[in-house]
Amino acid sequence: MLTYGVTDIQNKPSLIKMMDIAEIVDKRAHTTLGYFISSKYEGYIKPIIEQIDKDEKLAKLHKLKMHQDLEFAELGVDDGIK
């Protein structure tokens, strides 16, 4: 995978046509902005990304449910002290 800076792409937009898969970075801030994936790979990559999104959402829902179950359990516990 090749790495391209934002300035490189701004100075030469035709780079995007040549890219298959690339990492886009901001060299001044030393951060990765994201990844560019050519549309010809969309059929391979899109189902994987959708599965990852689905798994992340399910994990968040399970975590929320566990938290809610704990709250209900705490409310339902009667220690007999009045």
Protein backbone atom coordinates (compact mmCIF):
# COMPACT_ATOMS: atom_id res chain seq x y z
CA MET A 1 0.00 0.00 0.00
CA LEU A 2 1.30 3.40 -0.93
CA THR A 3 1.09 6.49 1.25
CA TYR A 4 0.15 9.89 -0.18
CA GLY A 5 0.15 13.27 1.49
CA VAL A 6 -2.75 15.67 1.21
CA THR A 7 -0.52 18.25 -0.45
CA ASP A 8 0.61 15.72 -3.05
CA ILE A 9 -3.00 15.04 -4.01
CA GLN A 10 -3.87 18.74 -4.05
CA ASN A 11 -0.92 19.51 -6.30
CA LYS A 12 -1.53 16.56 -8.62
CA PRO A 13 -5.19 15.39 -8.53
CA SER A 14 -4.49 12.85 -11.28
CA LEU A 15 -2.80 10.70 -8.61
CA ILE A 16 -6.24 9.50 -7.55
CA LYS A 17 -6.77 7.90 -10.96
CA MET A 18 -3.56 5.90 -10.54
CA MET A 19 -4.28 4.74 -6.96
CA ASP A 20 -5.65 1.30 -6.17
CA ILE A 21 -5.32 1.26 -2.40
CA ALA A 22 -3.56 4.07 -0.57
CA GLU A 23 -3.19 5.64 2.84
CA ILE A 24 -3.87 9.39 2.94
CA VAL A 25 -1.81 11.26 5.53
CA ASP A 26 -1.37 14.82 6.69
CA LYS A 27 2.40 15.08 6.90
CA ARG A 28 2.31 18.39 8.77
CA ALA A 29 0.11 17.03 11.57
CA HIS A 30 1.63 13.52 11.38
CA THR A 31 -1.80 11.89 11.27
CA THR A 32 -3.51 9.38 9.04
CA LEU A 33 -6.67 10.87 7.54
CA GLY A 34 -7.99 7.68 6.01
CA TYR A 35 -7.62 5.19 3.23
CA PHE A 36 -8.50 5.37 -0.46
CA ILE A 37 -9.81 2.23 -2.11
CA SER A 38 -10.46 2.16 -5.82
CA SER A 39 -14.02 1.39 -6.92
CA LYS A 40 -12.82 -1.72 -8.76
CA TYR A 41 -12.25 -3.34 -5.32
CA GLU A 42 -15.60 -2.24 -3.90
CA GLY A 43 -17.18 -5.65 -4.45
CA TYR A 44 -14.51 -7.27 -2.27
CA ILE A 45 -14.18 -4.64 0.42
CA LYS A 46 -17.76 -3.44 0.94
CA PRO A 47 -19.10 -6.71 2.48
CA ILE A 48 -16.13 -6.79 4.85
CA ILE A 49 -16.68 -3.19 5.97
CA GLU A 50 -20.41 -3.84 6.43
CA GLN A 51 -19.66 -6.93 8.54
CA ILE A 52 -17.24 -4.95 10.71
CA ASP A 53 -19.83 -2.18 11.19
CA LYS A 54 -22.46 -4.78 12.10
CA ASP A 55 -20.13 -6.47 14.60
CA GLU A 56 -19.24 -3.13 16.21
CA LYS A 57 -22.90 -2.16 16.56
CA LEU A 58 -23.76 -5.55 18.07
CA ALA A 59 -20.89 -5.27 20.53
CA LYS A 60 -22.14 -1.84 21.62
CA LEU A 61 -25.68 -3.17 22.04
CA HIS A 62 -24.47 -6.14 24.11
CA LYS A 63 -22.42 -3.83 26.32
CA LEU A 64 -25.43 -1.54 26.81
CA LYS A 65 -27.66 -4.51 27.60
CA MET A 66 -25.19 -5.84 30.18
CA HIS A 67 -25.09 -2.40 31.80
CA GLN A 68 -28.89 -2.19 31.88
CA ASP A 69 -29.15 -5.72 33.31
CA LEU A 70 -26.77 -4.72 36.10
CA GLU A 71 -28.86 -1.62 36.86
CA PHE A 72 -32.06 -3.68 37.04
CA ALA A 73 -30.34 -6.28 39.22
CA GLU A 74 -29.21 -3.56 41.63
CA LEU A 75 -32.73 -2.13 41.81
CA GLY A 76 -34.24 -5.55 42.42
CA VAL A 77 -31.93 -6.56 45.30
CA ASP A 78 -33.57 -6.26 48.70
CA ASP A 79 -31.15 -6.56 51.58
CA GLY A 80 -33.95 -6.64 54.18
CA ILE A 81 -32.77 -3.51 56.01
CA LYS A 82 -35.47 -0.93 56.73
